Amino acid sequence: MDCIFCKIIKKEIPASIIYEDESIIVFNDINPNAPVHLLVVPKIHIASLEQVTSENSEGISKVFEVISKLSKQLDLKDGFRVVSNCGKNAKQSVAHIHFHILAGKELTCKMG
């Protein structure tokens, strides 16, 4: 498999990792769109939200537990946004489900 996130998970490619446990890895986005721009990635390879099933959804649930934990640790009390792009038209650039945490400035409401 030639998935960049799987390579980061296996430590074949370096990343600025800020959190890791047995099922989730979180690292800084290399092209940030906000002062805080993190990628939250389940270690299990799921290509996109379209492929979430009852068999693999536990890993997705864990993503949101980690996001909640990080929001407190990073003191994101002024707010943050969580985004997951799904498919070509939504600009999903890596075919491995991931969630962007954006914070540290007032974000626009533009959604499209």
PDB file of N, CA and C in Angstrom:
ATOM      1  N   MET A   1       0.843  -1.181   0.000  1.00  0.00           N
ATOM      2  CA  MET A   1       0.000   0.000   0.000  1.00  0.00           C
ATOM      3  C   MET A   1       0.890   1.248   0.000  1.00  0.00           C
ATOM      4  N   ASP A   2       0.484   2.233  -0.747  1.00  0.00           N
ATOM      5  CA  ASP A   2       1.275   3.445  -0.882  1.00  0.00           C
ATOM      6  C   ASP A   2       0.581   4.630  -0.216  1.00  0.00           C
ATOM      7  N   CYS A   3       0.090   4.430   0.989  1.00  0.00           N
ATOM      8  CA  CYS A   3      -0.645   5.463   1.718  1.00  0.00           C
ATOM      9  C   CYS A   3       0.327   6.246   2.599  1.00  0.00           C
ATOM     10  N   ILE A   4       0.385   7.551   2.398  1.00  0.00           N
ATOM     11  CA  ILE A   4       1.312   8.386   3.161  1.00  0.00           C
ATOM     12  C   ILE A   4       1.015   8.329   4.664  1.00  0.00           C
ATOM     13  N   PHE A   5      -0.263   8.266   5.039  1.00  0.00           N
ATOM     14  CA  PHE A   5      -0.587   8.207   6.471  1.00  0.00           C
ATOM     15  C   PHE A   5      -0.179   6.864   7.067  1.00  0.00           C
ATOM     16  N   CYS A   6      -0.331   5.780   6.318  1.00  0.00           N
ATOM     17  CA  CYS A   6       0.132   4.478   6.814  1.00  0.00           C
ATOM     18  C   CYS A   6       1.649   4.491   7.008  1.00  0.00           C
ATOM     19  N   LYS A   7       2.350   5.188   6.127  1.00  0.00           N
ATOM     20  CA  LYS A   7       3.805   5.300   6.265  1.00  0.00           C
ATOM     21  C   LYS A   7       4.176   6.136   7.490  1.00  0.00           C
ATOM     22  N   ILE A   8       3.413   7.190   7.778  1.00  0.00           N
ATOM     23  CA  ILE A   8       3.654   7.985   8.987  1.00  0.00           C
ATOM     24  C   ILE A   8       3.388   7.129  10.222  1.00  0.00           C
ATOM     25  N   ILE A   9       2.301   6.362  10.205  1.00  0.00           N
ATOM     26  CA  ILE A   9       1.962   5.487  11.331  1.00  0.00           C
ATOM     27  C   ILE A   9       3.080   4.482  11.588  1.00  0.00           C
ATOM     28  N   LYS A  10       3.672   3.940  10.508  1.00  0.00           N
ATOM     29  CA  LYS A  10       4.763   2.963  10.627  1.00  0.00           C
ATOM     30  C   LYS A  10       6.115   3.625  10.876  1.00  0.00           C
ATOM     31  N   LYS A  11       6.135   4.959  10.952  1.00  0.00           N
ATOM     32  CA  LYS A  11       7.359   5.758  11.175  1.00  0.00           C
ATOM     33  C   LYS A  11       8.330   5.641  10.002  1.00  0.00           C
ATOM     34  N   GLU A  12       7.803   5.382   8.809  1.00  0.00           N
ATOM     35  CA  GLU A  12       8.619   5.357   7.604  1.00  0.00           C
ATOM     36  C   GLU A  12       8.809   6.764   7.046  1.00  0.00           C
ATOM     37  N   ILE A  13       7.914   7.674   7.415  1.00  0.00           N
ATOM     38  CA  ILE A  13       7.984   9.083   7.021  1.00  0.00           C
ATOM     39  C   ILE A  13       7.866   9.898   8.303  1.00  0.00           C
ATOM     40  N   PRO A  14       8.729  10.902   8.482  1.00  0.00           N
ATOM     41  CA  PRO A  14       8.641  11.705   9.710  1.00  0.00           C
ATOM     42  C   PRO A  14       7.412  12.612   9.712  1.00  0.00           C
ATOM     43  N   ALA A  15       6.938  12.894  10.899  1.00  0.00           N
ATOM     44  CA  ALA A  15       5.835  13.830  11.104  1.00  0.00           C
ATOM     45  C   ALA A  15       6.010  14.461  12.476  1.00  0.00           C
ATOM     46  N   SER A  16       5.428  15.614  12.644  1.00  0.00           N
ATOM     47  CA  SER A  16       5.457  16.309  13.923  1.00  0.00           C
ATOM     48  C   SER A  16       4.294  15.778  14.773  1.00  0.00           C
ATOM     49  N   ILE A  17       4.533  14.664  15.433  1.00  0.00           N
ATOM     50  CA  ILE A  17       3.497  13.954  16.189  1.00  0.00           C
ATOM     51  C   ILE A  17       3.278  14.637  17.528  1.00  0.00           C
ATOM     52  N   ILE A  18       2.005  14.926  17.838  1.00  0.00           N
ATOM     53  CA  ILE A  18       1.704  15.555  19.117  1.00  0.00           C
ATOM     54  C   ILE A  18       0.937  14.632  20.047  1.00  0.00           C
ATOM     55  N   TYR A  19       0.424  13.524  19.508  1.00  0.00           N
ATOM     56  CA  TYR A  19      -0.298  12.546  20.327  1.00  0.00           C
ATOM     57  C   TYR A  19      -0.281  11.218  19.580  1.00  0.00           C
ATOM     58  N   GLU A  20      -0.147  10.141  20.365  1.00  0.00           N
ATOM     59  CA  GLU A  20      -0.233   8.808  19.778  1.00  0.00           C
ATOM     60  C   GLU A  20      -0.624   7.812  20.851  1.00  0.00           C
ATOM     61  N   ASP A  21      -1.512   6.905  20.477  1.00  0.00           N
ATOM     62  CA  ASP A  21      -1.831   5.769  21.331  1.00  0.00           C
ATOM     63  C   ASP A  21      -1.936   4.536  20.436  1.00  0.00           C
ATOM     64  N   GLU A  22      -2.513   3.463  20.942  1.00  0.00           N
ATOM     65  CA  GLU A  22      -2.561   2.215  20.178  1.00  0.00           C
ATOM     66  C   GLU A  22      -3.433   2.297  18.926  1.00  0.00           C
ATOM     67  N   SER A  23      -4.357   3.245  18.862  1.00  0.00           N
ATOM     68  CA  SER A  23      -5.274   3.280  17.721  1.00  0.00           C
ATOM     69  C   SER A  23      -5.327   4.600  16.955  1.00  0.00           C
ATOM     70  N   ILE A  24      -4.727   5.661  17.494  1.00  0.00           N
ATOM     71  CA  ILE A  24      -4.819   7.000  16.890  1.00  0.00           C
ATOM     72  C   ILE A  24      -3.445   7.654  16.865  1.00  0.00           C
ATOM     73  N   ILE A  25      -3.202   8.427  15.807  1.00  0.00           N
ATOM     74  CA  ILE A  25      -2.011   9.279  15.755  1.00  0.00           C
ATOM     75  C   ILE A  25      -2.472  10.679  15.364  1.00  0.00           C
ATOM     76  N   VAL A  26      -1.859  11.687  15.976  1.00  0.00           N
ATOM     77  CA  VAL A  26      -2.204  13.082  15.700  1.00  0.00           C
ATOM     78  C   VAL A  26      -0.904  13.826  15.414  1.00  0.00           C
ATOM     79  N   PHE A  27      -0.907  14.566  14.309  1.00  0.00           N
ATOM     80  CA  PHE A  27       0.285  15.319  13.953  1.00  0.00           C
ATOM     81  C   PHE A  27      -0.099  16.633  13.285  1.00  0.00           C
ATOM     82  N   ASN A  28       0.863  17.544  13.238  1.00  0.00           N
ATOM     83  CA  ASN A  28       0.650  18.841  12.614  1.00  0.00           C
ATOM     84  C   ASN A  28       0.535  18.693  11.099  1.00  0.00           C
ATOM     85  N   ASP A  29      -0.420  19.420  10.514  1.00  0.00           N
ATOM     86  CA  ASP A  29      -0.571  19.448   9.066  1.00  0.00           C
ATOM     87  C   ASP A  29       0.624  20.192   8.471  1.00  0.00           C
ATOM     88  N   ILE A  30       1.179  19.690   7.382  1.00  0.00           N
ATOM     89  CA  ILE A  30       2.353  20.347   6.784  1.00  0.00           C
ATOM     90  C   ILE A  30       1.975  21.604   6.000  1.00  0.00           C
ATOM     91  N   ASN A  31       0.693  21.773   5.690  1.00  0.00           N
ATOM     92  CA  ASN A  31       0.206  22.981   5.015  1.00  0.00           C
ATOM     93  C   ASN A  31      -0.932  23.575   5.838  1.00  0.00           C
ATOM     94  N   PRO A  32      -0.610  24.186   6.982  1.00  0.00           N
ATOM     95  CA  PRO A  32      -1.664  24.621   7.898  1.00  0.00           C
ATOM     96  C   PRO A  32      -2.539  25.742   7.340  1.00  0.00           C
ATOM     97  N   ASN A  33      -3.829  25.657   7.661  1.00  0.00           N
ATOM     98  CA  ASN A  33      -4.800  26.685   7.299  1.00  0.00           C
ATOM     99  C   ASN A  33      -5.225  27.518   8.499  1.00  0.00           C
ATOM    100  N   ALA A  34      -4.624  27.278   9.642  1.00  0.00           N
ATOM    101  CA  ALA A  34      -4.909  28.013  10.881  1.00  0.00           C
ATOM    102  C   ALA A  34      -3.689  27.846  11.789  1.00  0.00           C
ATOM    103  N   PRO A  35      -3.565  28.700  12.804  1.00  0.00           N
ATOM    104  CA  PRO A  35      -2.433  28.553  13.734  1.00  0.00           C
ATOM    105  C   PRO A  35      -2.344  27.152  14.344  1.00  0.00           C
ATOM    106  N   VAL A  36      -3.489  26.558  14.635  1.00  0.00           N
ATOM    107  CA  VAL A  36      -3.536  25.154  15.057  1.00  0.00           C
ATOM    108  C   VAL A  36      -4.202  24.398  13.920  1.00  0.00           C
ATOM    109  N   HIS A  37      -3.481  23.466  13.309  1.00  0.00           N
ATOM    110  CA  HIS A  37      -4.049  22.638  12.248  1.00  0.00           C
ATOM    111  C   HIS A  37      -3.449  21.245  12.400  1.00  0.00           C
ATOM    112  N   LEU A  38      -4.232  20.392  13.044  1.00  0.00           N
ATOM    113  CA  LEU A  38      -3.795  19.033  13.336  1.00  0.00           C
ATOM    114  C   LEU A  38      -4.559  18.036  12.483  1.00  0.00           C
ATOM    115  N   LEU A  39      -3.929  16.910  12.217  1.00  0.00           N
ATOM    116  CA  LEU A  39      -4.592  15.793  11.556  1.00  0.00           C
ATOM    117  C   LEU A  39      -4.725  14.663  12.567  1.00  0.00           C
ATOM    118  N   VAL A  40      -5.939  14.185  12.730  1.00  0.00           N
ATOM    119  CA  VAL A  40      -6.235  13.085  13.639  1.00  0.00           C
ATOM    120  C   VAL A  40      -6.538  11.876  12.757  1.00  0.00           C
ATOM    121  N   VAL A  41      -5.707  10.844  12.872  1.00  0.00           N
ATOM    122  CA  VAL A  41      -5.758   9.724  11.937  1.00  0.00           C
ATOM    123  C   VAL A  41      -5.874   8.407  12.702  1.00  0.00           C
ATOM    124  N   PRO A  42      -6.922   7.624  12.425  1.00  0.00           N
ATOM    125  CA  PRO A  42      -6.964   6.291  13.009  1.00  0.00           C
ATOM    126  C   PRO A  42      -5.873   5.421  12.374  1.00  0.00           C
ATOM    127  N   LYS A  43      -5.273   4.561  13.149  1.00  0.00           N
ATOM    128  CA  LYS A  43      -4.199   3.717  12.627  1.00  0.00           C
ATOM    129  C   LYS A  43      -4.723   2.625  11.701  1.00  0.00           C
ATOM    130  N   ILE A  44      -5.973   2.253  11.849  1.00  0.00           N
ATOM    131  CA  ILE A  44      -6.563   1.294  10.928  1.00  0.00           C
ATOM    132  C   ILE A  44      -6.831   2.021   9.606  1.00  0.00           C
ATOM    133  N   HIS A  45      -6.470   1.387   8.497  1.00  0.00           N
ATOM    134  CA  HIS A  45      -6.673   2.026   7.195  1.00  0.00           C
ATOM    135  C   HIS A  45      -8.127   1.889   6.759  1.00  0.00           C
ATOM    136  N   ILE A  46      -8.799   3.031   6.730  1.00  0.00           N
ATOM    137  CA  ILE A  46     -10.149   3.156   6.186  1.00  0.00           C
ATOM    138  C   ILE A  46     -10.023   4.292   5.169  1.00  0.00           C
ATOM    139  N   ALA A  47     -10.403   4.053   3.921  1.00  0.00           N
ATOM    140  CA  ALA A  47     -10.152   5.039   2.870  1.00  0.00           C
ATOM    141  C   ALA A  47     -10.900   6.348   3.080  1.00  0.00           C
ATOM    142  N   SER A  48     -12.165   6.281   3.508  1.00  0.00           N
ATOM    143  CA  SER A  48     -12.949   7.504   3.685  1.00  0.00           C
ATOM    144  C   SER A  48     -14.159   7.217   4.559  1.00  0.00           C
ATOM    145  N   LEU A  49     -14.920   8.246   4.838  1.00  0.00           N
ATOM    146  CA  LEU A  49     -16.143   8.086   5.631  1.00  0.00           C
ATOM    147  C   LEU A  49     -17.122   7.119   4.983  1.00  0.00           C
ATOM    148  N   GLU A  50     -17.071   7.011   3.676  1.00  0.00           N
ATOM    149  CA  GLU A  50     -17.954   6.077   2.972  1.00  0.00           C
ATOM    150  C   GLU A  50     -17.704   4.627   3.370  1.00  0.00           C
ATOM    151  N   GLN A  51     -16.534   4.343   3.898  1.00  0.00           N
ATOM    152  CA  GLN A  51     -16.173   2.966   4.240  1.00  0.00           C
ATOM    153  C   GLN A  51     -16.274   2.650   5.732  1.00  0.00           C
ATOM    154  N   VAL A  52     -16.864   3.540   6.505  1.00  0.00           N
ATOM    155  CA  VAL A  52     -17.066   3.267   7.926  1.00  0.00           C
ATOM    156  C   VAL A  52     -18.212   2.265   8.066  1.00  0.00           C
ATOM    157  N   THR A  53     -17.965   1.230   8.859  1.00  0.00           N
ATOM    158  CA  THR A  53     -18.954   0.169   9.082  1.00  0.00           C
ATOM    159  C   THR A  53     -19.069  -0.113  10.574  1.00  0.00           C
ATOM    160  N   SER A  54     -19.998  -0.964  10.926  1.00  0.00           N
ATOM    161  CA  SER A  54     -20.112  -1.349  12.333  1.00  0.00           C
ATOM    162  C   SER A  54     -18.861  -2.093  12.804  1.00  0.00           C
ATOM    163  N   GLU A  55     -18.153  -2.738  11.893  1.00  0.00           N
ATOM    164  CA  GLU A  55     -16.929  -3.473  12.259  1.00  0.00           C
ATOM    165  C   GLU A  55     -15.743  -2.546  12.534  1.00  0.00           C
ATOM    166  N   ASN A  56     -15.694  -1.371  11.913  1.00  0.00           N
ATOM    167  CA  ASN A  56     -14.529  -0.504  12.098  1.00  0.00           C
ATOM    168  C   ASN A  56     -14.860   0.832  12.774  1.00  0.00           C
ATOM    169  N   SER A  57     -16.111   1.033  13.141  1.00  0.00           N
ATOM    170  CA  SER A  57     -16.515   2.336  13.677  1.00  0.00           C
ATOM    171  C   SER A  57     -15.975   2.628  15.075  1.00  0.00           C
ATOM    172  N   GLU A  58     -15.535   1.625  15.788  1.00  0.00           N
ATOM    173  CA  GLU A  58     -14.966   1.864  17.119  1.00  0.00           C
ATOM    174  C   GLU A  58     -13.745   2.784  17.027  1.00  0.00           C
ATOM    175  N   GLY A  59     -12.951   2.613  15.982  1.00  0.00           N
ATOM    176  CA  GLY A  59     -11.785   3.477  15.779  1.00  0.00           C
ATOM    177  C   GLY A  59     -12.174   4.918  15.518  1.00  0.00           C
ATOM    178  N   ILE A  60     -13.298   5.115  14.850  1.00  0.00           N
ATOM    179  CA  ILE A  60     -13.777   6.471  14.568  1.00  0.00           C
ATOM    180  C   ILE A  60     -14.293   7.117  15.850  1.00  0.00           C
ATOM    181  N   SER A  61     -14.969   6.343  16.662  1.00  0.00           N
ATOM    182  CA  SER A  61     -15.432   6.843  17.957  1.00  0.00           C
ATOM    183  C   SER A  61     -14.242   7.303  18.808  1.00  0.00           C
ATOM    184  N   LYS A  62     -13.166   6.548  18.764  1.00  0.00           N
ATOM    185  CA  LYS A  62     -11.954   6.884  19.515  1.00  0.00           C
ATOM    186  C   LYS A  62     -11.368   8.220  19.033  1.00  0.00           C
ATOM    187  N   VAL A  63     -11.483   8.495  17.728  1.00  0.00           N
ATOM    188  CA  VAL A  63     -11.010   9.765  17.171  1.00  0.00           C
ATOM    189  C   VAL A  63     -11.635  10.932  17.927  1.00  0.00           C
ATOM    190  N   PHE A  64     -12.942  10.865  18.139  1.00  0.00           N
ATOM    191  CA  PHE A  64     -13.629  11.985  18.780  1.00  0.00           C
ATOM    192  C   PHE A  64     -13.306  12.075  20.270  1.00  0.00           C
ATOM    193  N   GLU A  65     -13.010  10.968  20.908  1.00  0.00           N
ATOM    194  CA  GLU A  65     -12.545  11.010  22.298  1.00  0.00           C
ATOM    195  C   GLU A  65     -11.197  11.727  22.372  1.00  0.00           C
ATOM    196  N   VAL A  66     -10.314  11.428  21.415  1.00  0.00           N
ATOM    197  CA  VAL A  66      -8.989  12.067  21.379  1.00  0.00           C
ATOM    198  C   VAL A  66      -9.128  13.553  21.074  1.00  0.00           C
ATOM    199  N   ILE A  67     -10.013  13.920  20.143  1.00  0.00           N
ATOM    200  CA  ILE A  67     -10.224  15.333  19.831  1.00  0.00           C
ATOM    201  C   ILE A  67     -10.678  16.092  21.075  1.00  0.00           C
ATOM    202  N   SER A  68     -11.609  15.528  21.824  1.00  0.00           N
ATOM    203  CA  SER A  68     -12.073  16.166  23.054  1.00  0.00           C
ATOM    204  C   SER A  68     -10.928  16.346  24.046  1.00  0.00           C
ATOM    205  N   LYS A  69     -10.138  15.301  24.214  1.00  0.00           N
ATOM    206  CA  LYS A  69      -8.992  15.342  25.130  1.00  0.00           C
ATOM    207  C   LYS A  69      -7.986  16.421  24.699  1.00  0.00           C
ATOM    208  N   LEU A  70      -7.666  16.457  23.402  1.00  0.00           N
ATOM    209  CA  LEU A  70      -6.698  17.438  22.904  1.00  0.00           C
ATOM    210  C   LEU A  70      -7.223  18.858  23.002  1.00  0.00           C
ATOM    211  N   SER A  71      -8.518  19.050  22.787  1.00  0.00           N
ATOM    212  CA  SER A  71      -9.075  20.402  22.875  1.00  0.00           C
ATOM    213  C   SER A  71      -8.867  20.984  24.270  1.00  0.00           C
ATOM    214  N   LYS A  72      -8.943  20.131  25.273  1.00  0.00           N
ATOM    215  CA  LYS A  72      -8.696  20.583  26.651  1.00  0.00           C
ATOM    216  C   LYS A  72      -7.206  20.798  26.887  1.00  0.00           C
ATOM    217  N   GLN A  73      -6.370  19.844  26.449  1.00  0.00           N
ATOM    218  CA  GLN A  73      -4.923  19.966  26.654  1.00  0.00           C
ATOM    219  C   GLN A  73      -4.340  21.179  25.944  1.00  0.00           C
ATOM    220  N   LEU A  74      -4.878  21.490  24.755  1.00  0.00           N
ATOM    221  CA  LEU A  74      -4.376  22.616  23.969  1.00  0.00           C
ATOM    222  C   LEU A  74      -5.103  23.916  24.291  1.00  0.00           C
ATOM    223  N   ASP A  75      -6.036  23.855  25.236  1.00  0.00           N
ATOM    224  CA  ASP A  75      -6.787  25.030  25.695  1.00  0.00           C
ATOM    225  C   ASP A  75      -7.475  25.753  24.529  1.00  0.00           C
ATOM    226  N   LEU A  76      -8.244  24.973  23.766  1.00  0.00           N
ATOM    227  CA  LEU A  76      -8.955  25.528  22.611  1.00  0.00           C
ATOM    228  C   LEU A  76     -10.337  26.035  23.013  1.00  0.00           C
ATOM    229  N   LYS A  77     -10.401  26.717  24.152  1.00  0.00           N
ATOM    230  CA  LYS A  77     -11.679  27.156  24.713  1.00  0.00           C
ATOM    231  C   LYS A  77     -12.374  28.215  23.866  1.00  0.00           C
ATOM    232  N   ASP A  78     -11.645  28.888  22.979  1.00  0.00           N
ATOM    233  CA  ASP A  78     -12.272  29.878  22.103  1.00  0.00           C
ATOM    234  C   ASP A  78     -12.931  29.229  20.895  1.00  0.00           C
ATOM    235  N   GLY A  79     -12.797  27.930  20.772  1.00  0.00           N
ATOM    236  CA  GLY A  79     -13.457  27.199  19.694  1.00  0.00           C
ATOM    237  C   GLY A  79     -12.492  26.542  18.732  1.00  0.00           C
ATOM    238  N   PHE A  80     -13.005  25.539  18.068  1.00  0.00           N
ATOM    239  CA  PHE A  80     -12.233  24.827  17.060  1.00  0.00           C
ATOM    240  C   PHE A  80     -13.203  24.179  16.083  1.00  0.00           C
ATOM    241  N   ARG A  81     -12.686  23.819  14.933  1.00  0.00           N
ATOM    242  CA  ARG A  81     -13.478  23.161  13.900  1.00  0.00           C
ATOM    243  C   ARG A  81     -12.874  21.796  13.619  1.00  0.00           C
ATOM    244  N   VAL A  82     -13.745  20.813  13.388  1.00  0.00           N
ATOM    245  CA  VAL A  82     -13.322  19.471  12.984  1.00  0.00           C
ATOM    246  C   VAL A  82     -13.895  19.229  11.591  1.00  0.00           C
ATOM    247  N   VAL A  83     -13.022  18.844  10.652  1.00  0.00           N
ATOM    248  CA  VAL A  83     -13.417  18.652   9.254  1.00  0.00           C
ATOM    249  C   VAL A  83     -12.892  17.317   8.758  1.00  0.00           C
ATOM    250  N   SER A  84     -13.736  16.618   7.996  1.00  0.00           N
ATOM    251  CA  SER A  84     -13.288  15.424   7.289  1.00  0.00           C
ATOM    252  C   SER A  84     -13.802  15.514   5.856  1.00  0.00           C
ATOM    253  N   ASN A  85     -12.887  15.579   4.917  1.00  0.00           N
ATOM    254  CA  ASN A  85     -13.251  15.627   3.508  1.00  0.00           C
ATOM    255  C   ASN A  85     -13.448  14.198   3.006  1.00  0.00           C
ATOM    256  N   CYS A  86     -14.447  14.006   2.171  1.00  0.00           N
ATOM    257  CA  CYS A  86     -14.766  12.665   1.684  1.00  0.00           C
ATOM    258  C   CYS A  86     -14.941  12.702   0.171  1.00  0.00           C
ATOM    259  N   GLY A  87     -13.954  12.193  -0.536  1.00  0.00           N
ATOM    260  CA  GLY A  87     -14.037  12.091  -1.983  1.00  0.00           C
ATOM    261  C   GLY A  87     -13.387  13.255  -2.727  1.00  0.00           C
ATOM    262  N   LYS A  88     -13.275  13.068  -4.026  1.00  0.00           N
ATOM    263  CA  LYS A  88     -12.580  14.013  -4.908  1.00  0.00           C
ATOM    264  C   LYS A  88     -13.184  15.416  -4.875  1.00  0.00           C
ATOM    265  N   ASN A  89     -14.496  15.529  -4.996  1.00  0.00           N
ATOM    266  CA  ASN A  89     -15.122  16.851  -5.033  1.00  0.00           C
ATOM    267  C   ASN A  89     -15.024  17.590  -3.708  1.00  0.00           C
ATOM    268  N   ALA A  90     -14.817  16.872  -2.630  1.00  0.00           N
ATOM    269  CA  ALA A  90     -14.637  17.495  -1.311  1.00  0.00           C
ATOM    270  C   ALA A  90     -13.162  17.770  -1.017  1.00  0.00           C
ATOM    271  N   LYS A  91     -12.310  17.454  -1.984  1.00  0.00           N
ATOM    272  CA  LYS A  91     -10.862  17.694  -1.876  1.00  0.00           C
ATOM    273  C   LYS A  91     -10.170  16.790  -0.862  1.00  0.00           C
ATOM    274  N   GLN A  92     -10.632  15.532  -0.748  1.00  0.00           N
ATOM    275  CA  GLN A  92      -9.906  14.577   0.081  1.00  0.00           C
ATOM    276  C   GLN A  92      -8.600  14.261  -0.640  1.00  0.00           C
ATOM    277  N   SER A  93      -7.480  14.627  -0.038  1.00  0.00           N
ATOM    278  CA  SER A  93      -6.189  14.496  -0.711  1.00  0.00           C
ATOM    279  C   SER A  93      -5.458  13.198  -0.383  1.00  0.00           C
ATOM    280  N   VAL A  94      -5.823  12.546   0.713  1.00  0.00           N
ATOM    281  CA  VAL A  94      -5.206  11.273   1.090  1.00  0.00           C
ATOM    282  C   VAL A  94      -6.335  10.277   1.327  1.00  0.00           C
ATOM    283  N   ALA A  95      -6.247   9.129   0.679  1.00  0.00           N
ATOM    284  CA  ALA A  95      -7.296   8.107   0.797  1.00  0.00           C
ATOM    285  C   ALA A  95      -7.100   7.273   2.060  1.00  0.00           C
ATOM    286  N   HIS A  96      -7.101   7.949   3.177  1.00  0.00           N
ATOM    287  CA  HIS A  96      -7.059   7.342   4.516  1.00  0.00           C
ATOM    288  C   HIS A  96      -7.866   8.297   5.381  1.00  0.00           C
ATOM    289  N   ILE A  97      -8.942   7.821   5.972  1.00  0.00           N
ATOM    290  CA  ILE A  97      -9.815   8.708   6.741  1.00  0.00           C
ATOM    291  C   ILE A  97      -9.003   9.490   7.768  1.00  0.00           C
ATOM    292  N   HIS A  98      -9.284  10.780   7.836  1.00  0.00           N
ATOM    293  CA  HIS A  98      -8.598  11.642   8.797  1.00  0.00           C
ATOM    294  C   HIS A  98      -9.475  12.847   9.072  1.00  0.00           C
ATOM    295  N   PHE A  99      -9.188  13.484  10.180  1.00  0.00           N
ATOM    296  CA  PHE A  99      -9.977  14.612  10.644  1.00  0.00           C
ATOM    297  C   PHE A  99      -9.041  15.775  10.934  1.00  0.00           C
ATOM    298  N   HIS A 100      -9.381  16.939  10.404  1.00  0.00           N
ATOM    299  CA  HIS A 100      -8.609  18.157  10.631  1.00  0.00           C
ATOM    300  C   HIS A 100      -9.178  18.865  11.856  1.00  0.00           C
ATOM    301  N   ILE A 101      -8.307  19.293  12.748  1.00  0.00           N
ATOM    302  CA  ILE A 101      -8.685  20.196  13.835  1.00  0.00           C
ATOM    303  C   ILE A 101      -8.088  21.550  13.471  1.00  0.00           C
ATOM    304  N   LEU A 102      -8.947  22.551  13.359  1.00  0.00           N
ATOM    305  CA  LEU A 102      -8.517  23.910  13.019  1.00  0.00           C
ATOM    306  C   LEU A 102      -8.889  24.837  14.173  1.00  0.00           C
ATOM    307  N   ALA A 103      -7.934  25.648  14.600  1.00  0.00           N
ATOM    308  CA  ALA A 103      -8.182  26.555  15.728  1.00  0.00           C
ATOM    309  C   ALA A 103      -7.107  27.625  15.763  1.00  0.00           C
ATOM    310  N   GLY A 104      -7.258  28.535  16.722  1.00  0.00           N
ATOM    311  CA  GLY A 104      -6.245  29.554  16.955  1.00  0.00           C
ATOM    312  C   GLY A 104      -6.531  30.881  16.284  1.00  0.00           C
ATOM    313  N   LYS A 105      -7.648  30.969  15.591  1.00  0.00           N
ATOM    314  CA  LYS A 105      -8.097  32.227  14.986  1.00  0.00           C
ATOM    315  C   LYS A 105      -9.582  32.106  14.740  1.00  0.00           C
ATOM    316  N   GLU A 106     -10.221  33.232  14.440  1.00  0.00           N
ATOM    317  CA  GLU A 106     -11.625  33.189  14.078  1.00  0.00           C
ATOM    318  C   GLU A 106     -11.723  32.610  12.672  1.00  0.00           C
ATOM    319  N   LEU A 107     -12.469  31.533  12.545  1.00  0.00           N
ATOM    320  CA  LEU A 107     -12.609  30.849  11.271  1.00  0.00           C
ATOM    321  C   LEU A 107     -13.811  31.397  10.516  1.00  0.00           C
ATOM    322  N   THR A 108     -13.693  31.456   9.210  1.00  0.00           N
ATOM    323  CA  THR A 108     -14.821  31.938   8.406  1.00  0.00           C
ATOM    324  C   THR A 108     -15.895  30.861   8.347  1.00  0.00           C
ATOM    325  N   CYS A 109     -17.086  31.286   7.994  1.00  0.00           N
ATOM    326  CA  CYS A 109     -18.207  30.338   7.872  1.00  0.00           C
ATOM    327  C   CYS A 109     -18.326  29.778   6.470  1.00  0.00           C
ATOM    328  N   LYS A 110     -17.446  30.169   5.572  1.00  0.00           N
ATOM    329  CA  LYS A 110     -17.514  29.683   4.190  1.00  0.00           C
ATOM    330  C   LYS A 110     -17.442  28.164   4.162  1.00  0.00           C
ATOM    331  N   MET A 111     -18.412  27.555   3.555  1.00  0.00           N
ATOM    332  CA  MET A 111     -18.471  26.091   3.522  1.00  0.00           C
ATOM    333  C   MET A 111     -18.405  25.544   2.093  1.00  0.00           C
ATOM    334  N   GLY A 112     -18.107  26.315   1.123  1.00  0.00           N
ATOM    335  CA  GLY A 112     -18.064  25.752  -0.212  1.00  0.00           C
ATOM    336  C   GLY A 112     -17.517  26.654  -1.248  1.00  0.00           C
TER     337      GLY A 112
END
